Amino acid sequence: MCPCCNCCITVPQDQYIAVENFGKFNKTLPPGLQFAGFDICGVCIGFRAISARVDQTFVTVTTKTKDNVFVAAQVAVQHRVKEKSVELALYQLSDVQGQIDSYVSDVVRSHVPVMTLDEAFEKKDDISDAVQKKLTAEMESYGLEIRKALVTEVNPDASVVASMNEINKQKRLRDAALMAAEAEKIKHVKAAEAAADAAQLQGEGIARQRRAIIDGLRDSITHGTGESLSTSQISELLLITQYFETLRDVAANNKSSTVFLNHSAGSVADIASQIRNGVLQAGPAQQSM
């Protein structure tokens, strides 16, 4: 053994080196080639190293939610040793992992049981903030700096996940059925509206057609005579026109059955008189009521 063999030491950039004189902490050496002090045969000076990097610790906590669902929450804690608190980190805390695990479990088991399963998913940031606040206050006395605490996963039981997926599936199927029924309803309503509009337009067209026919017949009959037709005469002209239109339609339809009609001008006059008498009889009946 050579005297003064531990006088100089090379300190890595990612480590803190603590110098001990006869087992007692003396100082901390910065990175690079450093002079530790005079030593005799390597028995006076000792060294302890601790990482200066940010370390990450994973903690898994199993707890129960407010709606009686057991979940496993995984929390990632990022921490590092403070440069000015190397002595505390080396000599005060023996199990960093165990200490962090205890504090994280305490915070998670005090927050998750007052939340439902949906709230536990929605409020992961609140749980993370509570864990970080607790660890920052408690681990500072041990020379550790808590950089971040993150709730990375909230995993319920597999059967619960399957049930939630089934509920979501049935809800979406119900919404799809409602939307399909609503679309079918709109289709029928629009078809009915289109049919009504078509019937209305058809009626207006027929009315204009008949009005034009009546005007044409009246003009052709009274042209050059100076006479005017009465309402009854106009009605008879309209009935005669419709009568011949009916005959034309029956003849044009190749699928029509055999139709027997009293085909004479007198029969048309009889029909006109019957309609006129019915209208006249209905008028006094309504007035008496």
C-alpha atoms as a PDB file:
ATOM      1  CA  MET A   1       0.000   0.000   0.000  1.00  0.00           C
ATOM      2  CA  CYS A   2       1.349   3.384  -0.991  1.00  0.00           C
ATOM      3  CA  PRO A   3       0.845   6.489   1.154  1.00  0.00           C
ATOM      4  CA  CYS A   4      -1.241   9.316  -0.375  1.00  0.00           C
ATOM      5  CA  CYS A   5      -2.838   6.932  -2.926  1.00  0.00           C
ATOM      6  CA  ASN A   6      -6.354   8.477  -2.539  1.00  0.00           C
ATOM      7  CA  CYS A   7      -5.359  12.128  -2.792  1.00  0.00           C
ATOM      8  CA  CYS A   8      -6.876  12.742  -6.273  1.00  0.00           C
ATOM      9  CA  ILE A   9     -10.076  11.400  -7.847  1.00  0.00           C
ATOM     10  CA  THR A  10     -11.914  11.845 -11.126  1.00  0.00           C
ATOM     11  CA  VAL A  11     -15.621  12.683 -10.582  1.00  0.00           C
ATOM     12  CA  PRO A  12     -17.999  11.768 -13.474  1.00  0.00           C
ATOM     13  CA  GLN A  13     -20.401  14.425 -14.743  1.00  0.00           C
ATOM     14  CA  ASP A  14     -23.485  12.378 -13.832  1.00  0.00           C
ATOM     15  CA  GLN A  15     -22.493  11.609 -10.229  1.00  0.00           C
ATOM     16  CA  TYR A  16     -22.057  13.308  -6.905  1.00  0.00           C
ATOM     17  CA  ILE A  17     -19.058  12.096  -4.867  1.00  0.00           C
ATOM     18  CA  ALA A  18     -19.071  12.469  -1.094  1.00  0.00           C
ATOM     19  CA  VAL A  19     -15.725  12.453   0.710  1.00  0.00           C
ATOM     20  CA  GLU A  20     -15.537  10.770   4.138  1.00  0.00           C
ATOM     21  CA  ASN A  21     -12.706  11.207   6.590  1.00  0.00           C
ATOM     22  CA  PHE A  22     -12.519   8.164   8.853  1.00  0.00           C
ATOM     23  CA  GLY A  23     -16.177   7.409   8.026  1.00  0.00           C
ATOM     24  CA  LYS A  24     -17.466  10.949   8.648  1.00  0.00           C
ATOM     25  CA  PHE A  25     -18.887  13.087   5.829  1.00  0.00           C
ATOM     26  CA  ASN A  26     -16.516  15.886   4.925  1.00  0.00           C
ATOM     27  CA  LYS A  27     -17.504  17.459   1.583  1.00  0.00           C
ATOM     28  CA  THR A  28     -18.897  16.921  -1.877  1.00  0.00           C
ATOM     29  CA  LEU A  29     -16.658  17.011  -4.930  1.00  0.00           C
ATOM     30  CA  PRO A  30     -17.796  18.585  -8.237  1.00  0.00           C
ATOM     31  CA  PRO A  31     -17.244  16.811 -11.590  1.00  0.00           C
ATOM     32  CA  GLY A  32     -13.703  16.538 -12.971  1.00  0.00           C
ATOM     33  CA  LEU A  33     -10.296  15.824 -11.467  1.00  0.00           C
ATOM     34  CA  GLN A  34     -10.448  16.801  -7.801  1.00  0.00           C
ATOM     35  CA  PHE A  35      -8.076  16.773  -4.859  1.00  0.00           C
ATOM     36  CA  ALA A  36      -9.693  14.883  -1.993  1.00  0.00           C
ATOM     37  CA  GLY A  37      -7.009  15.423   0.637  1.00  0.00           C
ATOM     38  CA  PHE A  38      -3.938  13.669   2.039  1.00  0.00           C
ATOM     39  CA  ASP A  39      -4.340  10.021   2.803  1.00  0.00           C
ATOM     40  CA  ILE A  40      -2.191   7.421   4.426  1.00  0.00           C
ATOM     41  CA  CYS A  41      -2.311   4.003   2.822  1.00  0.00           C
ATOM     42  CA  GLY A  42      -5.968   4.483   1.799  1.00  0.00           C
ATOM     43  CA  VAL A  43      -7.411   4.300   5.323  1.00  0.00           C
ATOM     44  CA  CYS A  44      -8.105   7.975   6.051  1.00  0.00           C
ATOM     45  CA  ILE A  45     -10.315   8.962   3.109  1.00  0.00           C
ATOM     46  CA  GLY A  46     -13.348   7.155   1.750  1.00  0.00           C
ATOM     47  CA  PHE A  47     -15.759   7.976  -1.086  1.00  0.00           C
ATOM     48  CA  ARG A  48     -19.479   7.468  -1.716  1.00  0.00           C
ATOM     49  CA  ALA A  49     -21.157   8.076  -5.056  1.00  0.00           C
ATOM     50  CA  ILE A  50     -24.785   8.856  -5.903  1.00  0.00           C
ATOM     51  CA  SER A  51     -26.328   9.470  -9.318  1.00  0.00           C
ATOM     52  CA  ALA A  52     -27.099  13.040 -10.368  1.00  0.00           C
ATOM     53  CA  ARG A  53     -29.492  11.933 -13.112  1.00  0.00           C
ATOM     54  CA  VAL A  54     -33.275  12.104 -12.974  1.00  0.00           C
ATOM     55  CA  ASP A  55     -34.547   8.693 -11.949  1.00  0.00           C
ATOM     56  CA  GLN A  56     -38.030   7.336 -12.536  1.00  0.00           C
ATOM     57  CA  THR A  57     -39.856   5.085 -10.110  1.00  0.00           C
ATOM     58  CA  PHE A  58     -43.038   3.219 -10.991  1.00  0.00           C
ATOM     59  CA  VAL A  59     -45.596   2.550  -8.268  1.00  0.00           C
ATOM     60  CA  THR A  60     -48.715   0.401  -8.804  1.00  0.00           C
ATOM     61  CA  VAL A  61     -51.529   0.900  -6.299  1.00  0.00           C
ATOM     62  CA  THR A  62     -54.647  -1.273  -6.144  1.00  0.00           C
ATOM     63  CA  THR A  63     -57.684   0.460  -4.688  1.00  0.00           C
ATOM     64  CA  LYS A  64     -61.470   0.697  -4.957  1.00  0.00           C
ATOM     65  CA  THR A  65     -63.553   3.442  -6.492  1.00  0.00           C
ATOM     66  CA  LYS A  66     -66.729   4.983  -5.121  1.00  0.00           C
ATOM     67  CA  ASP A  67     -68.885   2.694  -7.282  1.00  0.00           C
ATOM     68  CA  ASN A  68     -67.114  -0.427  -5.895  1.00  0.00           C
ATOM     69  CA  VAL A  69     -64.812  -1.141  -8.838  1.00  0.00           C
ATOM     70  CA  PHE A  70     -61.265  -2.274  -8.068  1.00  0.00           C
ATOM     71  CA  VAL A  71     -58.638  -0.542 -10.180  1.00  0.00           C
ATOM     72  CA  ALA A  72     -54.864  -0.688 -10.435  1.00  0.00           C
ATOM     73  CA  ALA A  73     -53.393   2.812 -10.749  1.00  0.00           C
ATOM     74  CA  GLN A  74     -49.831   3.118 -12.013  1.00  0.00           C
ATOM     75  CA  VAL A  75     -47.930   6.238 -10.983  1.00  0.00           C
ATOM     76  CA  ALA A  76     -44.569   7.274 -12.452  1.00  0.00           C
ATOM     77  CA  VAL A  77     -42.480   9.474 -10.116  1.00  0.00           C
ATOM     78  CA  GLN A  78     -39.502  11.342 -11.563  1.00  0.00           C
ATOM     79  CA  HIS A  79     -36.986  12.456  -8.952  1.00  0.00           C
ATOM     80  CA  ARG A  80     -33.326  13.440  -8.555  1.00  0.00           C
ATOM     81  CA  VAL A  81     -30.858  14.298  -5.811  1.00  0.00           C
ATOM     82  CA  LYS A  82     -30.409  17.986  -5.026  1.00  0.00           C
ATOM     83  CA  GLU A  83     -26.850  19.145  -5.486  1.00  0.00           C
ATOM     84  CA  LYS A  84     -26.813  20.921  -2.129  1.00  0.00           C
ATOM     85  CA  SER A  85     -28.459  18.020  -0.308  1.00  0.00           C
ATOM     86  CA  VAL A  86     -26.174  15.125  -1.234  1.00  0.00           C
ATOM     87  CA  GLU A  87     -25.424  14.456   2.446  1.00  0.00           C
ATOM     88  CA  LEU A  88     -29.137  14.036   3.244  1.00  0.00           C
ATOM     89  CA  ALA A  89     -29.713  11.760   0.241  1.00  0.00           C
ATOM     90  CA  LEU A  90     -26.769   9.534   1.193  1.00  0.00           C
ATOM     91  CA  TYR A  91     -27.183   9.273   4.945  1.00  0.00           C
ATOM     92  CA  GLN A  92     -30.850   9.932   5.750  1.00  0.00           C
ATOM     93  CA  LEU A  93     -32.799   7.562   3.472  1.00  0.00           C
ATOM     94  CA  SER A  94     -31.957   3.905   2.961  1.00  0.00           C
ATOM     95  CA  ASP A  95     -34.801   2.801   0.625  1.00  0.00           C
ATOM     96  CA  VAL A  96     -35.916   5.495  -1.805  1.00  0.00           C
ATOM     97  CA  GLN A  97     -38.217   3.136  -3.712  1.00  0.00           C
ATOM     98  CA  GLY A  98     -40.000   1.945  -0.568  1.00  0.00           C
ATOM     99  CA  GLN A  99     -40.457   5.462   0.794  1.00  0.00           C
ATOM    100  CA  ILE A 100     -41.901   6.794  -2.458  1.00  0.00           C
ATOM    101  CA  ASP A 101     -44.151   3.737  -2.718  1.00  0.00           C
ATOM    102  CA  SER A 102     -45.592   4.409   0.743  1.00  0.00           C
ATOM    103  CA  TYR A 103     -46.408   8.057   0.103  1.00  0.00           C
ATOM    104  CA  VAL A 104     -47.887   7.402  -3.350  1.00  0.00           C
ATOM    105  CA  SER A 105     -50.085   4.581  -2.024  1.00  0.00           C
ATOM    106  CA  ASP A 106     -51.333   6.816   0.782  1.00  0.00           C
ATOM    107  CA  VAL A 107     -52.341   9.634  -1.590  1.00  0.00           C
ATOM    108  CA  VAL A 108     -53.930   7.402  -4.230  1.00  0.00           C
ATOM    109  CA  ARG A 109     -55.939   5.415  -1.669  1.00  0.00           C
ATOM    110  CA  SER A 110     -57.263   8.632  -0.149  1.00  0.00           C
ATOM    111  CA  HIS A 111     -58.381  10.174  -3.461  1.00  0.00           C
ATOM    112  CA  VAL A 112     -59.648   7.357  -5.703  1.00  0.00           C
ATOM    113  CA  PRO A 113     -62.210   5.884  -3.219  1.00  0.00           C
ATOM    114  CA  VAL A 114     -64.198   9.163  -3.325  1.00  0.00           C
ATOM    115  CA  MET A 115     -64.410   9.074  -7.141  1.00  0.00           C
ATOM    116  CA  THR A 116     -66.444   6.955  -9.499  1.00  0.00           C
ATOM    117  CA  LEU A 117     -64.657   4.960 -12.176  1.00  0.00           C
ATOM    118  CA  ASP A 118     -65.410   7.584 -14.834  1.00  0.00           C
ATOM    119  CA  GLU A 119     -64.179  10.357 -12.545  1.00  0.00           C
ATOM    120  CA  ALA A 120     -60.974   8.436 -11.864  1.00  0.00           C
ATOM    121  CA  PHE A 121     -60.250   8.470 -15.600  1.00  0.00           C
ATOM    122  CA  GLU A 122     -61.275  12.108 -15.979  1.00  0.00           C
ATOM    123  CA  LYS A 123     -59.368  13.427 -12.930  1.00  0.00           C
ATOM    124  CA  LYS A 124     -56.013  11.726 -13.353  1.00  0.00           C
ATOM    125  CA  ASP A 125     -54.341  15.138 -13.375  1.00  0.00           C
ATOM    126  CA  ASP A 126     -55.848  15.969  -9.975  1.00  0.00           C
ATOM    127  CA  ILE A 127     -54.463  12.731  -8.536  1.00  0.00           C
ATOM    128  CA  SER A 128     -51.063  13.456 -10.111  1.00  0.00           C
ATOM    129  CA  ASP A 129     -50.981  16.953  -8.603  1.00  0.00           C
ATOM    130  CA  ALA A 130     -51.893  15.592  -5.169  1.00  0.00           C
ATOM    131  CA  VAL A 131     -49.154  12.940  -5.349  1.00  0.00           C
ATOM    132  CA  GLN A 132     -46.547  15.455  -6.491  1.00  0.00           C
ATOM    133  CA  LYS A 133     -47.493  17.929  -3.765  1.00  0.00           C
ATOM    134  CA  LYS A 134     -47.258  15.243  -1.078  1.00  0.00           C
ATOM    135  CA  LEU A 135     -43.939  13.842  -2.292  1.00  0.00           C
ATOM    136  CA  THR A 136     -42.375  17.290  -2.734  1.00  0.00           C
ATOM    137  CA  ALA A 137     -43.140  18.203   0.868  1.00  0.00           C
ATOM    138  CA  GLU A 138     -42.049  14.866   2.347  1.00  0.00           C
ATOM    139  CA  MET A 139     -38.989  13.982   0.251  1.00  0.00           C
ATOM    140  CA  GLU A 140     -37.386  17.416   0.521  1.00  0.00           C
ATOM    141  CA  SER A 141     -36.108  16.513   3.970  1.00  0.00           C
ATOM    142  CA  TYR A 142     -34.265  13.575   2.384  1.00  0.00           C
ATOM    143  CA  GLY A 143     -32.489  15.669  -0.242  1.00  0.00           C
ATOM    144  CA  LEU A 144     -34.681  14.539  -3.165  1.00  0.00           C
ATOM    145  CA  GLU A 145     -36.316  16.828  -5.693  1.00  0.00           C
ATOM    146  CA  ILE A 146     -39.606  15.558  -7.181  1.00  0.00           C
ATOM    147  CA  ARG A 147     -39.679  16.684 -10.799  1.00  0.00           C
ATOM    148  CA  LYS A 148     -43.019  15.155 -11.798  1.00  0.00           C
ATOM    149  CA  ALA A 149     -45.576  12.597 -10.646  1.00  0.00           C
ATOM    150  CA  LEU A 150     -47.838  11.196 -13.370  1.00  0.00           C
ATOM    151  CA  VAL A 151     -50.761   8.779 -13.184  1.00  0.00           C
ATOM    152  CA  THR A 152     -49.993   6.864 -16.368  1.00  0.00           C
ATOM    153  CA  GLU A 153     -52.660   4.148 -16.173  1.00  0.00           C
ATOM    154  CA  VAL A 154     -55.926   3.361 -14.422  1.00  0.00           C
ATOM    155  CA  ASN A 155     -56.726  -0.275 -15.138  1.00  0.00           C
ATOM    156  CA  PRO A 156     -59.998  -1.803 -13.891  1.00  0.00           C
ATOM    157  CA  ASP A 157     -60.614  -5.544 -13.911  1.00  0.00           C
ATOM    158  CA  ALA A 158     -60.931  -7.183 -17.348  1.00  0.00           C
ATOM    159  CA  SER A 159     -64.574  -8.130 -16.705  1.00  0.00           C
ATOM    160  CA  VAL A 160     -65.374  -4.500 -15.871  1.00  0.00           C
ATOM    161  CA  VAL A 161     -63.704  -3.344 -19.090  1.00  0.00           C
ATOM    162  CA  ALA A 162     -65.738  -5.891 -21.070  1.00  0.00           C
ATOM    163  CA  SER A 163     -68.954  -4.702 -19.393  1.00  0.00           C
ATOM    164  CA  MET A 164     -68.166  -1.061 -20.139  1.00  0.00           C
ATOM    165  CA  ASN A 165     -67.447  -1.876 -23.770  1.00  0.00           C
ATOM    166  CA  GLU A 166     -70.725  -3.817 -24.028  1.00  0.00           C
ATOM    167  CA  ILE A 167     -72.668  -0.904 -22.519  1.00  0.00           C
ATOM    168  CA  ASN A 168     -71.059   1.498 -24.964  1.00  0.00           C
ATOM    169  CA  LYS A 169     -71.770  -0.880 -27.838  1.00  0.00           C
ATOM    170  CA  GLN A 170     -75.462  -1.229 -26.938  1.00  0.00           C
ATOM    171  CA  LYS A 171     -75.779   2.529 -26.520  1.00  0.00           C
ATOM    172  CA  ARG A 172     -74.329   3.138 -29.958  1.00  0.00           C
ATOM    173  CA  LEU A 173     -76.596   0.466 -31.470  1.00  0.00           C
ATOM    174  CA  ARG A 174     -79.606   2.141 -29.857  1.00  0.00           C
ATOM    175  CA  ASP A 175     -78.541   5.537 -31.186  1.00  0.00           C
ATOM    176  CA  ALA A 176     -78.070   4.036 -34.638  1.00  0.00           C
ATOM    177  CA  ALA A 177     -81.541   2.449 -34.514  1.00  0.00           C
ATOM    178  CA  LEU A 178     -83.099   5.746 -33.426  1.00  0.00           C
ATOM    179  CA  MET A 179     -81.332   7.615 -36.201  1.00  0.00           C
ATOM    180  CA  ALA A 180     -82.434   5.016 -38.766  1.00  0.00           C
ATOM    181  CA  ALA A 181     -86.053   5.240 -37.561  1.00  0.00           C
ATOM    182  CA  GLU A 182     -85.899   9.030 -37.662  1.00  0.00           C
ATOM    183  CA  ALA A 183     -84.508   8.918 -41.203  1.00  0.00           C
ATOM    184  CA  GLU A 184     -87.306   6.527 -42.253  1.00  0.00           C
ATOM    185  CA  LYS A 185     -89.877   8.840 -40.680  1.00  0.00           C
ATOM    186  CA  ILE A 186     -88.470  11.854 -42.484  1.00  0.00           C
ATOM    187  CA  LYS A 187     -88.497   9.904 -45.741  1.00  0.00           C
ATOM    188  CA  HIS A 188     -92.188   8.987 -45.356  1.00  0.00           C
ATOM    189  CA  VAL A 189     -93.109  12.528 -44.300  1.00  0.00           C
ATOM    190  CA  LYS A 190     -91.300  14.004 -47.274  1.00  0.00           C
ATOM    191  CA  ALA A 191     -92.931  11.474 -49.609  1.00  0.00           C
ATOM    192  CA  ALA A 192     -96.372  12.372 -48.213  1.00  0.00           C
ATOM    193  CA  GLU A 193     -95.628  16.089 -48.577  1.00  0.00           C
ATOM    194  CA  ALA A 194     -94.447  15.521 -52.149  1.00  0.00           C
ATOM    195  CA  ALA A 195     -97.594  13.541 -52.955  1.00  0.00           C
ATOM    196  CA  ALA A 196     -99.776  16.268 -51.446  1.00  0.00           C
ATOM    197  CA  ASP A 197     -97.950  18.959 -53.391  1.00  0.00           C
ATOM    198  CA  ALA A 198     -98.240  16.911 -56.570  1.00  0.00           C
ATOM    199  CA  ALA A 199    -101.969  16.368 -56.014  1.00  0.00           C
ATOM    200  CA  GLN A 200    -102.445  20.065 -55.337  1.00  0.00           C
ATOM    201  CA  LEU A 201    -100.555  21.041 -58.468  1.00  0.00           C
ATOM    202  CA  GLN A 202    -102.478  18.428 -60.443  1.00  0.00           C
ATOM    203  CA  GLY A 203    -105.782  19.824 -59.147  1.00  0.00           C
ATOM    204  CA  GLU A 204    -104.746  23.357 -59.985  1.00  0.00           C
ATOM    205  CA  GLY A 205    -103.746  22.205 -63.461  1.00  0.00           C
ATOM    206  CA  ILE A 206    -107.067  20.416 -63.991  1.00  0.00           C
ATOM    207  CA  ALA A 207    -108.943  23.488 -62.733  1.00  0.00           C
ATOM    208  CA  ARG A 208    -107.035  25.743 -65.123  1.00  0.00           C
ATOM    209  CA  GLN A 209    -107.617  23.256 -67.930  1.00  0.00           C
ATOM    210  CA  ARG A 210    -111.346  23.143 -67.332  1.00  0.00           C
ATOM    211  CA  ARG A 211    -111.535  26.899 -67.000  1.00  0.00           C
ATOM    212  CA  ALA A 212    -109.763  27.272 -70.306  1.00  0.00           C
ATOM    213  CA  ILE A 213    -112.088  24.724 -71.903  1.00  0.00           C
ATOM    214  CA  ILE A 214    -115.161  26.529 -70.586  1.00  0.00           C
ATOM    215  CA  ASP A 215    -113.843  29.909 -71.747  1.00  0.00           C
ATOM    216  CA  GLY A 216    -113.090  28.460 -75.167  1.00  0.00           C
ATOM    217  CA  LEU A 217    -116.527  26.851 -75.527  1.00  0.00           C
ATOM    218  CA  ARG A 218    -118.294  29.950 -74.318  1.00  0.00           C
ATOM    219  CA  ASP A 219    -116.365  32.169 -76.722  1.00  0.00           C
ATOM    220  CA  SER A 220    -116.939  29.815 -79.628  1.00  0.00           C
ATOM    221  CA  ILE A 221    -120.657  29.583 -78.933  1.00  0.00           C
ATOM    222  CA  THR A 222    -121.359  33.247 -78.193  1.00  0.00           C
ATOM    223  CA  HIS A 223    -118.891  34.695 -80.654  1.00  0.00           C
ATOM    224  CA  GLY A 224    -120.614  37.210 -82.883  1.00  0.00           C
ATOM    225  CA  THR A 225    -124.019  36.765 -81.211  1.00  0.00           C
ATOM    226  CA  GLY A 226    -123.659  39.137 -78.257  1.00  0.00           C
ATOM    227  CA  GLU A 227    -125.336  36.614 -75.972  1.00  0.00           C
ATOM    228  CA  SER A 228    -123.990  35.320 -72.619  1.00  0.00           C
ATOM    229  CA  LEU A 229    -124.307  31.814 -71.169  1.00  0.00           C
ATOM    230  CA  SER A 230    -125.892  31.180 -67.785  1.00  0.00           C
ATOM    231  CA  THR A 231    -124.289  29.199 -64.979  1.00  0.00           C
ATOM    232  CA  SER A 232    -126.420  26.135 -65.727  1.00  0.00           C
ATOM    233  CA  GLN A 233    -125.447  26.200 -69.361  1.00  0.00           C
ATOM    234  CA  ILE A 234    -121.779  26.477 -68.456  1.00  0.00           C
ATOM    235  CA  SER A 235    -122.157  23.484 -66.072  1.00  0.00           C
ATOM    236  CA  GLU A 236    -123.762  21.443 -68.835  1.00  0.00           C
ATOM    237  CA  LEU A 237    -120.901  22.337 -71.185  1.00  0.00           C
ATOM    238  CA  LEU A 238    -118.381  21.225 -68.516  1.00  0.00           C
ATOM    239  CA  LEU A 239    -120.206  17.946 -67.941  1.00  0.00           C
ATOM    240  CA  ILE A 240    -120.350  17.267 -71.678  1.00  0.00           C
ATOM    241  CA  THR A 241    -116.618  17.971 -71.937  1.00  0.00           C
ATOM    242  CA  GLN A 242    -115.825  15.639 -69.023  1.00  0.00           C
ATOM    243  CA  TYR A 243    -118.109  13.009 -70.511  1.00  0.00           C
ATOM    244  CA  PHE A 244    -116.195  12.919 -73.772  1.00  0.00           C
ATOM    245  CA  GLU A 245    -112.878  12.969 -71.895  1.00  0.00           C
ATOM    246  CA  THR A 246    -114.009   9.903 -69.968  1.00  0.00           C
ATOM    247  CA  LEU A 247    -114.882   8.111 -73.166  1.00  0.00           C
ATOM    248  CA  ARG A 248    -111.498   8.991 -74.592  1.00  0.00           C
ATOM    249  CA  ASP A 249    -109.654   7.693 -71.508  1.00  0.00           C
ATOM    250  CA  VAL A 250    -111.610   4.434 -71.505  1.00  0.00           C
ATOM    251  CA  ALA A 251    -110.856   3.892 -75.185  1.00  0.00           C
ATOM    252  CA  ALA A 252    -107.155   4.705 -74.718  1.00  0.00           C
ATOM    253  CA  ASN A 253    -106.667   2.232 -71.860  1.00  0.00           C
ATOM    254  CA  ASN A 254    -106.040  -1.271 -73.224  1.00  0.00           C
ATOM    255  CA  LYS A 255    -106.519  -2.853 -69.773  1.00  0.00           C
ATOM    256  CA  SER A 256    -109.968  -1.400 -69.107  1.00  0.00           C
ATOM    257  CA  SER A 257    -112.990  -3.663 -68.663  1.00  0.00           C
ATOM    258  CA  THR A 258    -116.111  -3.458 -70.783  1.00  0.00           C
ATOM    259  CA  VAL A 259    -118.177  -0.448 -69.801  1.00  0.00           C
ATOM    260  CA  PHE A 260    -121.869  -0.009 -70.821  1.00  0.00           C
ATOM    261  CA  LEU A 261    -123.020   3.603 -70.942  1.00  0.00           C
ATOM    262  CA  ASN A 262    -126.269   5.220 -72.112  1.00  0.00           C
ATOM    263  CA  HIS A 263    -124.448   7.034 -74.837  1.00  0.00           C
ATOM    264  CA  SER A 264    -126.635   9.921 -75.858  1.00  0.00           C
ATOM    265  CA  ALA A 265    -126.719  13.641 -75.408  1.00  0.00           C
ATOM    266  CA  GLY A 266    -130.005  13.340 -73.473  1.00  0.00           C
ATOM    267  CA  SER A 267    -128.360  11.201 -70.802  1.00  0.00           C
ATOM    268  CA  VAL A 268    -125.740  13.911 -70.244  1.00  0.00           C
ATOM    269  CA  ALA A 269    -128.558  16.475 -69.830  1.00  0.00           C
ATOM    270  CA  ASP A 270    -130.260  14.187 -67.310  1.00  0.00           C
ATOM    271  CA  ILE A 271    -127.020  13.900 -65.289  1.00  0.00           C
ATOM    272  CA  ALA A 272    -126.623  17.668 -65.348  1.00  0.00           C
ATOM    273  CA  SER A 273    -130.202  18.178 -64.101  1.00  0.00           C
ATOM    274  CA  GLN A 274    -129.714  15.630 -61.329  1.00  0.00           C
ATOM    275  CA  ILE A 275    -126.535  17.391 -60.104  1.00  0.00           C
ATOM    276  CA  ARG A 276    -128.279  20.772 -60.285  1.00  0.00           C
ATOM    277  CA  ASN A 277    -131.292  19.532 -58.313  1.00  0.00           C
ATOM    278  CA  GLY A 278    -129.014  17.988 -55.693  1.00  0.00           C
ATOM    279  CA  VAL A 279    -127.119  21.255 -55.191  1.00  0.00           C
ATOM    280  CA  LEU A 280    -130.400  23.231 -54.948  1.00  0.00           C
ATOM    281  CA  GLN A 281    -131.845  20.782 -52.390  1.00  0.00           C
ATOM    282  CA  ALA A 282    -128.656  20.834 -50.281  1.00  0.00           C
ATOM    283  CA  GLY A 283    -128.699  24.635 -50.089  1.00  0.00           C
ATOM    284  CA  PRO A 284    -132.117  24.956 -48.326  1.00  0.00           C
ATOM    285  CA  ALA A 285    -131.267  22.042 -46.026  1.00  0.00           C
ATOM    286  CA  GLN A 286    -128.171  23.829 -44.777  1.00  0.00           C
ATOM    287  CA  GLN A 287    -130.105  27.088 -44.247  1.00  0.00           C
ATOM    288  CA  SER A 288    -132.808  25.340 -42.185  1.00  0.00           C
ATOM    289  CA  MET A 289    -130.211  23.813 -39.869  1.00  0.00           C
END
